[in-house]
Amino acid sequence: MNNKMKNRVVTTAISIFFLIIGILCTISYFHPITYSESERRDLAQFPTNITAERIFDKTAILEFEDYTVDQFPFREVF
């Protein structure tokens, strides 16, 4: 396999990987998991009260960060 073909294969594989992760993240947005059995705790949900004031004082951003970490697809496998 020549260098050009290897580059195309690697680029295609990485693109497909990111596409699948994006699709799974979109699905998890519409069907969020509410409870983690392994951690025995409620998982963070999408912040509902997002205002400019909460963005500037970083509370909405911190809530969104907790949400993205808790709702990442296959997070318990990783």
PDB file of N, CA and C in Angstrom:
ATOM      1  N   MET A   1       0.851  -1.167   0.000  1.00  0.00           N
ATOM      2  CA  MET A   1       0.000   0.000   0.000  1.00  0.00           C
ATOM      3  C   MET A   1       0.906   1.242   0.000  1.00  0.00           C
ATOM      4  N   ASN A   2       0.630   2.146  -0.903  1.00  0.00           N
ATOM      5  CA  ASN A   2       1.472   3.339  -0.956  1.00  0.00           C
ATOM      6  C   ASN A   2       1.044   4.365   0.093  1.00  0.00           C
ATOM      7  N   ASN A   3       1.847   5.391   0.224  1.00  0.00           N
ATOM      8  CA  ASN A   3       1.637   6.402   1.271  1.00  0.00           C
ATOM      9  C   ASN A   3       0.314   7.143   1.097  1.00  0.00           C
ATOM     10  N   LYS A   4      -0.040   7.460  -0.132  1.00  0.00           N
ATOM     11  CA  LYS A   4      -1.274   8.201  -0.390  1.00  0.00           C
ATOM     12  C   LYS A   4      -2.496   7.377   0.020  1.00  0.00           C
ATOM     13  N   MET A   5      -2.468   6.099  -0.282  1.00  0.00           N
ATOM     14  CA  MET A   5      -3.581   5.222   0.067  1.00  0.00           C
ATOM     15  C   MET A   5      -3.696   5.058   1.583  1.00  0.00           C
ATOM     16  N   LYS A   6      -2.575   4.941   2.286  1.00  0.00           N
ATOM     17  CA  LYS A   6      -2.597   4.838   3.746  1.00  0.00           C
ATOM     18  C   LYS A   6      -3.216   6.080   4.361  1.00  0.00           C
ATOM     19  N   ASN A   7      -2.837   7.247   3.846  1.00  0.00           N
ATOM     20  CA  ASN A   7      -3.399   8.495   4.358  1.00  0.00           C
ATOM     21  C   ASN A   7      -4.904   8.553   4.172  1.00  0.00           C
ATOM     22  N   ARG A   8      -5.383   8.096   3.034  1.00  0.00           N
ATOM     23  CA  ARG A   8      -6.838   8.094   2.788  1.00  0.00           C
ATOM     24  C   ARG A   8      -7.560   7.137   3.726  1.00  0.00           C
ATOM     25  N   VAL A   9      -6.978   5.963   3.944  1.00  0.00           N
ATOM     26  CA  VAL A   9      -7.605   4.975   4.821  1.00  0.00           C
ATOM     27  C   VAL A   9      -7.673   5.505   6.254  1.00  0.00           C
ATOM     28  N   VAL A  10      -6.575   6.069   6.739  1.00  0.00           N
ATOM     29  CA  VAL A  10      -6.541   6.599   8.102  1.00  0.00           C
ATOM     30  C   VAL A  10      -7.514   7.767   8.251  1.00  0.00           C
ATOM     31  N   THR A  11      -7.520   8.671   7.275  1.00  0.00           N
ATOM     32  CA  THR A  11      -8.436   9.816   7.327  1.00  0.00           C
ATOM     33  C   THR A  11      -9.887   9.362   7.310  1.00  0.00           C
ATOM     34  N   THR A  12     -10.214   8.385   6.473  1.00  0.00           N
ATOM     35  CA  THR A  12     -11.581   7.870   6.418  1.00  0.00           C
ATOM     36  C   THR A  12     -11.969   7.191   7.727  1.00  0.00           C
ATOM     37  N   ALA A  13     -11.072   6.409   8.295  1.00  0.00           N
ATOM     38  CA  ALA A  13     -11.367   5.710   9.555  1.00  0.00           C
ATOM     39  C   ALA A  13     -11.603   6.701  10.694  1.00  0.00           C
ATOM     40  N   ILE A  14     -10.768   7.716  10.784  1.00  0.00           N
ATOM     41  CA  ILE A  14     -10.937   8.720  11.842  1.00  0.00           C
ATOM     42  C   ILE A  14     -12.217   9.516  11.631  1.00  0.00           C
ATOM     43  N   SER A  15     -12.527   9.851  10.389  1.00  0.00           N
ATOM     44  CA  SER A  15     -13.761  10.581  10.092  1.00  0.00           C
ATOM     45  C   SER A  15     -14.986   9.772  10.475  1.00  0.00           C
ATOM     46  N   ILE A  16     -14.977   8.488  10.171  1.00  0.00           N
ATOM     47  CA  ILE A  16     -16.098   7.617  10.535  1.00  0.00           C
ATOM     48  C   ILE A  16     -16.215   7.514  12.055  1.00  0.00           C
ATOM     49  N   PHE A  17     -15.098   7.410  12.751  1.00  0.00           N
ATOM     50  CA  PHE A  17     -15.108   7.351  14.211  1.00  0.00           C
ATOM     51  C   PHE A  17     -15.761   8.604  14.805  1.00  0.00           C
ATOM     52  N   PHE A  18     -15.341   9.791  14.339  1.00  0.00           N
ATOM     53  CA  PHE A  18     -15.924  11.028  14.856  1.00  0.00           C
ATOM     54  C   PHE A  18     -17.391  11.174  14.472  1.00  0.00           C
ATOM     55  N   LEU A  19     -17.766  10.693  13.312  1.00  0.00           N
ATOM     56  CA  LEU A  19     -19.165  10.735  12.902  1.00  0.00           C
ATOM     57  C   LEU A  19     -20.015   9.864  13.821  1.00  0.00           C
ATOM     58  N   ILE A  20     -19.537   8.669  14.138  1.00  0.00           N
ATOM     59  CA  ILE A  20     -20.278   7.771  15.028  1.00  0.00           C
ATOM     60  C   ILE A  20     -20.391   8.371  16.422  1.00  0.00           C
ATOM     61  N   ILE A  21     -19.306   8.942  16.948  1.00  0.00           N
ATOM     62  CA  ILE A  21     -19.359   9.580  18.271  1.00  0.00           C
ATOM     63  C   ILE A  21     -20.347  10.739  18.250  1.00  0.00           C
ATOM     64  N   GLY A  22     -20.344  11.526  17.187  1.00  0.00           N
ATOM     65  CA  GLY A  22     -21.297  12.636  17.071  1.00  0.00           C
ATOM     66  C   GLY A  22     -22.737  12.163  17.057  1.00  0.00           C
ATOM     67  N   ILE A  23     -23.008  11.100  16.334  1.00  0.00           N
ATOM     68  CA  ILE A  23     -24.365  10.546  16.281  1.00  0.00           C
ATOM     69  C   ILE A  23     -24.773  10.021  17.656  1.00  0.00           C
ATOM     70  N   LEU A  24     -23.868   9.323  18.333  1.00  0.00           N
ATOM     71  CA  LEU A  24     -24.187   8.803  19.667  1.00  0.00           C
ATOM     72  C   LEU A  24     -24.426   9.932  20.673  1.00  0.00           C
ATOM     73  N   CYS A  25     -23.652  11.012  20.572  1.00  0.00           N
ATOM     74  CA  CYS A  25     -23.875  12.154  21.462  1.00  0.00           C
ATOM     75  C   CYS A  25     -25.234  12.798  21.195  1.00  0.00           C
ATOM     76  N   THR A  26     -25.622  12.872  19.930  1.00  0.00           N
ATOM     77  CA  THR A  26     -26.930  13.425  19.586  1.00  0.00           C
ATOM     78  C   THR A  26     -28.046  12.543  20.128  1.00  0.00           C
ATOM     79  N   ILE A  27     -27.903  11.243  19.991  1.00  0.00           N
ATOM     80  CA  ILE A  27     -28.915  10.323  20.525  1.00  0.00           C
ATOM     81  C   ILE A  27     -28.994  10.443  22.042  1.00  0.00           C
ATOM     82  N   SER A  28     -27.842  10.546  22.710  1.00  0.00           N
ATOM     83  CA  SER A  28     -27.870  10.646  24.173  1.00  0.00           C
ATOM     84  C   SER A  28     -28.461  11.973  24.634  1.00  0.00           C
ATOM     85  N   TYR A  29     -28.435  13.009  23.790  1.00  0.00           N
ATOM     86  CA  TYR A  29     -29.081  14.278  24.150  1.00  0.00           C
ATOM     87  C   TYR A  29     -30.594  14.093  24.221  1.00  0.00           C
ATOM     88  N   PHE A  30     -31.156  13.353  23.274  1.00  0.00           N
ATOM     89  CA  PHE A  30     -32.610  13.162  23.248  1.00  0.00           C
ATOM     90  C   PHE A  30     -33.082  12.059  24.184  1.00  0.00           C
ATOM     91  N   HIS A  31     -32.192  11.166  24.599  1.00  0.00           N
ATOM     92  CA  HIS A  31     -32.532  10.086  25.529  1.00  0.00           C
ATOM     93  C   HIS A  31     -31.474  10.021  26.631  1.00  0.00           C
ATOM     94  N   PRO A  32     -31.454  11.017  27.513  1.00  0.00           N
ATOM     95  CA  PRO A  32     -30.400  11.045  28.537  1.00  0.00           C
ATOM     96  C   PRO A  32     -30.583   9.943  29.583  1.00  0.00           C
ATOM     97  N   ILE A  33     -29.467   9.508  30.111  1.00  0.00           N
ATOM     98  CA  ILE A  33     -29.466   8.527  31.194  1.00  0.00           C
ATOM     99  C   ILE A  33     -29.601   9.308  32.501  1.00  0.00           C
ATOM    100  N   THR A  34     -30.486   8.878  33.371  1.00  0.00           N
ATOM    101  CA  THR A  34     -30.725   9.641  34.592  1.00  0.00           C
ATOM    102  C   THR A  34     -29.981   9.102  35.812  1.00  0.00           C
ATOM    103  N   TYR A  35     -29.648   7.820  35.788  1.00  0.00           N
ATOM    104  CA  TYR A  35     -29.030   7.227  36.971  1.00  0.00           C
ATOM    105  C   TYR A  35     -27.913   6.287  36.558  1.00  0.00           C
ATOM    106  N   SER A  36     -26.808   6.305  37.298  1.00  0.00           N
ATOM    107  CA  SER A  36     -25.687   5.402  37.049  1.00  0.00           C
ATOM    108  C   SER A  36     -25.692   4.316  38.117  1.00  0.00           C
ATOM    109  N   GLU A  37     -25.892   3.078  37.676  1.00  0.00           N
ATOM    110  CA  GLU A  37     -25.902   1.953  38.616  1.00  0.00           C
ATOM    111  C   GLU A  37     -24.527   1.719  39.229  1.00  0.00           C
ATOM    112  N   SER A  38     -23.468   1.850  38.429  1.00  0.00           N
ATOM    113  CA  SER A  38     -22.133   1.549  38.938  1.00  0.00           C
ATOM    114  C   SER A  38     -21.639   2.606  39.925  1.00  0.00           C
ATOM    115  N   GLU A  39     -22.048   3.858  39.723  1.00  0.00           N
ATOM    116  CA  GLU A  39     -21.626   4.922  40.639  1.00  0.00           C
ATOM    117  C   GLU A  39     -22.654   5.204  41.732  1.00  0.00           C
ATOM    118  N   ARG A  40     -23.843   4.635  41.574  1.00  0.00           N
ATOM    119  CA  ARG A  40     -24.945   4.826  42.527  1.00  0.00           C
ATOM    120  C   ARG A  40     -25.250   6.299  42.780  1.00  0.00           C
ATOM    121  N   ARG A  41     -25.444   7.026  41.678  1.00  0.00           N
ATOM    122  CA  ARG A  41     -25.773   8.451  41.803  1.00  0.00           C
ATOM    123  C   ARG A  41     -26.567   8.900  40.590  1.00  0.00           C
ATOM    124  N   ASP A  42     -27.294  10.012  40.753  1.00  0.00           N
ATOM    125  CA  ASP A  42     -27.996  10.623  39.634  1.00  0.00           C
ATOM    126  C   ASP A  42     -26.996  11.344  38.743  1.00  0.00           C
ATOM    127  N   LEU A  43     -27.180  11.231  37.440  1.00  0.00           N
ATOM    128  CA  LEU A  43     -26.278  11.885  36.505  1.00  0.00           C
ATOM    129  C   LEU A  43     -26.777  13.288  36.184  1.00  0.00           C
ATOM    130  N   ALA A  44     -25.856  14.169  35.840  1.00  0.00           N
ATOM    131  CA  ALA A  44     -26.206  15.552  35.518  1.00  0.00           C
ATOM    132  C   ALA A  44     -27.026  15.582  34.227  1.00  0.00           C
ATOM    133  N   GLN A  45     -28.005  16.466  34.205  1.00  0.00           N
ATOM    134  CA  GLN A  45     -28.855  16.640  33.041  1.00  0.00           C
ATOM    135  C   GLN A  45     -28.528  17.976  32.363  1.00  0.00           C
ATOM    136  N   PHE A  46     -29.043  18.161  31.151  1.00  0.00           N
ATOM    137  CA  PHE A  46     -28.772  19.382  30.403  1.00  0.00           C
ATOM    138  C   PHE A  46     -29.295  20.586  31.186  1.00  0.00           C
ATOM    139  N   PRO A  47     -28.464  21.639  31.350  1.00  0.00           N
ATOM    140  CA  PRO A  47     -28.917  22.808  32.112  1.00  0.00           C
ATOM    141  C   PRO A  47     -30.098  23.483  31.419  1.00  0.00           C
ATOM    142  N   THR A  48     -31.132  23.747  32.182  1.00  0.00           N
ATOM    143  CA  THR A  48     -32.345  24.333  31.598  1.00  0.00           C
ATOM    144  C   THR A  48     -32.373  25.843  31.718  1.00  0.00           C
ATOM    145  N   ASN A  49     -31.670  26.399  32.672  1.00  0.00           N
ATOM    146  CA  ASN A  49     -31.730  27.833  32.935  1.00  0.00           C
ATOM    147  C   ASN A  49     -30.440  28.499  32.438  1.00  0.00           C
ATOM    148  N   ILE A  50     -30.321  28.639  31.120  1.00  0.00           N
ATOM    149  CA  ILE A  50     -29.119  29.251  30.558  1.00  0.00           C
ATOM    150  C   ILE A  50     -29.433  30.698  30.207  1.00  0.00           C
ATOM    151  N   THR A  51     -28.775  31.622  30.906  1.00  0.00           N
ATOM    152  CA  THR A  51     -28.922  33.048  30.633  1.00  0.00           C
ATOM    153  C   THR A  51     -27.530  33.649  30.445  1.00  0.00           C
ATOM    154  N   ALA A  52     -27.494  34.847  29.930  1.00  0.00           N
ATOM    155  CA  ALA A  52     -26.210  35.524  29.723  1.00  0.00           C
ATOM    156  C   ALA A  52     -25.497  35.732  31.061  1.00  0.00           C
ATOM    157  N   GLU A  53     -26.254  36.072  32.094  1.00  0.00           N
ATOM    158  CA  GLU A  53     -25.658  36.289  33.419  1.00  0.00           C
ATOM    159  C   GLU A  53     -25.008  35.009  33.948  1.00  0.00           C
ATOM    160  N   ARG A  54     -25.696  33.872  33.780  1.00  0.00           N
ATOM    161  CA  ARG A  54     -25.153  32.592  34.259  1.00  0.00           C
ATOM    162  C   ARG A  54     -23.961  32.140  33.423  1.00  0.00           C
ATOM    163  N   ILE A  55     -23.916  32.547  32.158  1.00  0.00           N
ATOM    164  CA  ILE A  55     -22.752  32.219  31.330  1.00  0.00           C
ATOM    165  C   ILE A  55     -21.555  33.036  31.775  1.00  0.00           C
ATOM    166  N   PHE A  56     -21.760  34.335  32.050  1.00  0.00           N
ATOM    167  CA  PHE A  56     -20.648  35.189  32.454  1.00  0.00           C
ATOM    168  C   PHE A  56     -20.096  34.845  33.831  1.00  0.00           C
ATOM    169  N   ASP A  57     -20.944  34.367  34.745  1.00  0.00           N
ATOM    170  CA  ASP A  57     -20.405  33.964  36.049  1.00  0.00           C
ATOM    171  C   ASP A  57     -20.045  32.467  36.088  1.00  0.00           C
ATOM    172  N   LYS A  58     -20.104  31.807  34.940  1.00  0.00           N
ATOM    173  CA  LYS A  58     -19.622  30.449  34.691  1.00  0.00           C
ATOM    174  C   LYS A  58     -20.434  29.333  35.345  1.00  0.00           C
ATOM    175  N   THR A  59     -21.563  29.623  35.937  1.00  0.00           N
ATOM    176  CA  THR A  59     -22.346  28.538  36.527  1.00  0.00           C
ATOM    177  C   THR A  59     -22.983  27.669  35.446  1.00  0.00           C
ATOM    178  N   ALA A  60     -23.490  28.278  34.381  1.00  0.00           N
ATOM    179  CA  ALA A  60     -24.100  27.495  33.301  1.00  0.00           C
ATOM    180  C   ALA A  60     -23.044  26.666  32.577  1.00  0.00           C
ATOM    181  N   ILE A  61     -21.856  27.219  32.432  1.00  0.00           N
ATOM    182  CA  ILE A  61     -20.784  26.503  31.749  1.00  0.00           C
ATOM    183  C   ILE A  61     -20.341  25.299  32.572  1.00  0.00           C
ATOM    184  N   LEU A  62     -20.237  25.460  33.879  1.00  0.00           N
ATOM    185  CA  LEU A  62     -19.853  24.342  34.743  1.00  0.00           C
ATOM    186  C   LEU A  62     -20.924  23.253  34.751  1.00  0.00           C
ATOM    187  N   GLU A  63     -22.206  23.655  34.740  1.00  0.00           N
ATOM    188  CA  GLU A  63     -23.282  22.673  34.666  1.00  0.00           C
ATOM    189  C   GLU A  63     -23.246  21.927  33.337  1.00  0.00           C
ATOM    190  N   PHE A  64     -22.961  22.646  32.250  1.00  0.00           N
ATOM    191  CA  PHE A  64     -22.877  21.993  30.938  1.00  0.00           C
ATOM    192  C   PHE A  64     -21.689  21.033  30.882  1.00  0.00           C
ATOM    193  N   GLU A  65     -20.585  21.408  31.510  1.00  0.00           N
ATOM    194  CA  GLU A  65     -19.423  20.524  31.542  1.00  0.00           C
ATOM    195  C   GLU A  65     -19.744  19.236  32.300  1.00  0.00           C
ATOM    196  N   ASP A  66     -20.418  19.357  33.433  1.00  0.00           N
ATOM    197  CA  ASP A  66     -20.827  18.162  34.187  1.00  0.00           C
ATOM    198  C   ASP A  66     -21.759  17.289  33.347  1.00  0.00           C
ATOM    199  N   TYR A  67     -22.672  17.932  32.619  1.00  0.00           N
ATOM    200  CA  TYR A  67     -23.612  17.212  31.761  1.00  0.00           C
ATOM    201  C   TYR A  67     -22.877  16.432  30.669  1.00  0.00           C
ATOM    202  N   THR A  68     -21.921  17.077  29.993  1.00  0.00           N
ATOM    203  CA  THR A  68     -21.223  16.403  28.900  1.00  0.00           C
ATOM    204  C   THR A  68     -20.378  15.232  29.403  1.00  0.00           C
ATOM    205  N   VAL A  69     -19.795  15.365  30.570  1.00  0.00           N
ATOM    206  CA  VAL A  69     -19.003  14.261  31.129  1.00  0.00           C
ATOM    207  C   VAL A  69     -19.918  13.106  31.533  1.00  0.00           C
ATOM    208  N   ASP A  70     -21.050  13.402  32.151  1.00  0.00           N
ATOM    209  CA  ASP A  70     -21.954  12.353  32.617  1.00  0.00           C
ATOM    210  C   ASP A  70     -22.697  11.668  31.470  1.00  0.00           C
ATOM    211  N   GLN A  71     -23.000  12.379  30.395  1.00  0.00           N
ATOM    212  CA  GLN A  71     -23.813  11.820  29.320  1.00  0.00           C
ATOM    213  C   GLN A  71     -23.000  11.339  28.121  1.00  0.00           C
ATOM    214  N   PHE A  72     -21.673  11.274  28.230  1.00  0.00           N
ATOM    215  CA  PHE A  72     -20.849  10.810  27.121  1.00  0.00           C
ATOM    216  C   PHE A  72     -21.152   9.361  26.829  1.00  0.00           C
ATOM    217  N   PRO A  73     -21.328   8.996  25.540  1.00  0.00           N
ATOM    218  CA  PRO A  73     -21.639   7.603  25.206  1.00  0.00           C
ATOM    219  C   PRO A  73     -20.548   6.629  25.665  1.00  0.00           C
ATOM    220  N   PHE A  74     -20.948   5.517  26.218  1.00  0.00           N
ATOM    221  CA  PHE A  74     -20.051   4.467  26.683  1.00  0.00           C
ATOM    222  C   PHE A  74     -19.063   4.954  27.746  1.00  0.00           C
ATOM    223  N   ARG A  75     -19.468   5.918  28.559  1.00  0.00           N
ATOM    224  CA  ARG A  75     -18.556   6.490  29.553  1.00  0.00           C
ATOM    225  C   ARG A  75     -18.117   5.468  30.592  1.00  0.00           C
ATOM    226  N   GLU A  76     -18.950   4.513  30.903  1.00  0.00           N
ATOM    227  CA  GLU A  76     -18.572   3.513  31.893  1.00  0.00           C
ATOM    228  C   GLU A  76     -17.612   2.476  31.306  1.00  0.00           C
ATOM    229  N   VAL A  77     -17.624   2.315  29.999  1.00  0.00           N
ATOM    230  CA  VAL A  77     -16.687   1.393  29.353  1.00  0.00           C
ATOM    231  C   VAL A  77     -15.292   1.999  29.359  1.00  0.00           C
ATOM    232  N   PHE A  78     -15.214   3.297  29.124  1.00  0.00           N
ATOM    233  CA  PHE A  78     -13.914   3.971  29.110  1.00  0.00           C
ATOM    234  C   PHE A  78     -13.355   4.025  30.504  1.00  0.00           C
TER     235      PHE A  78
END
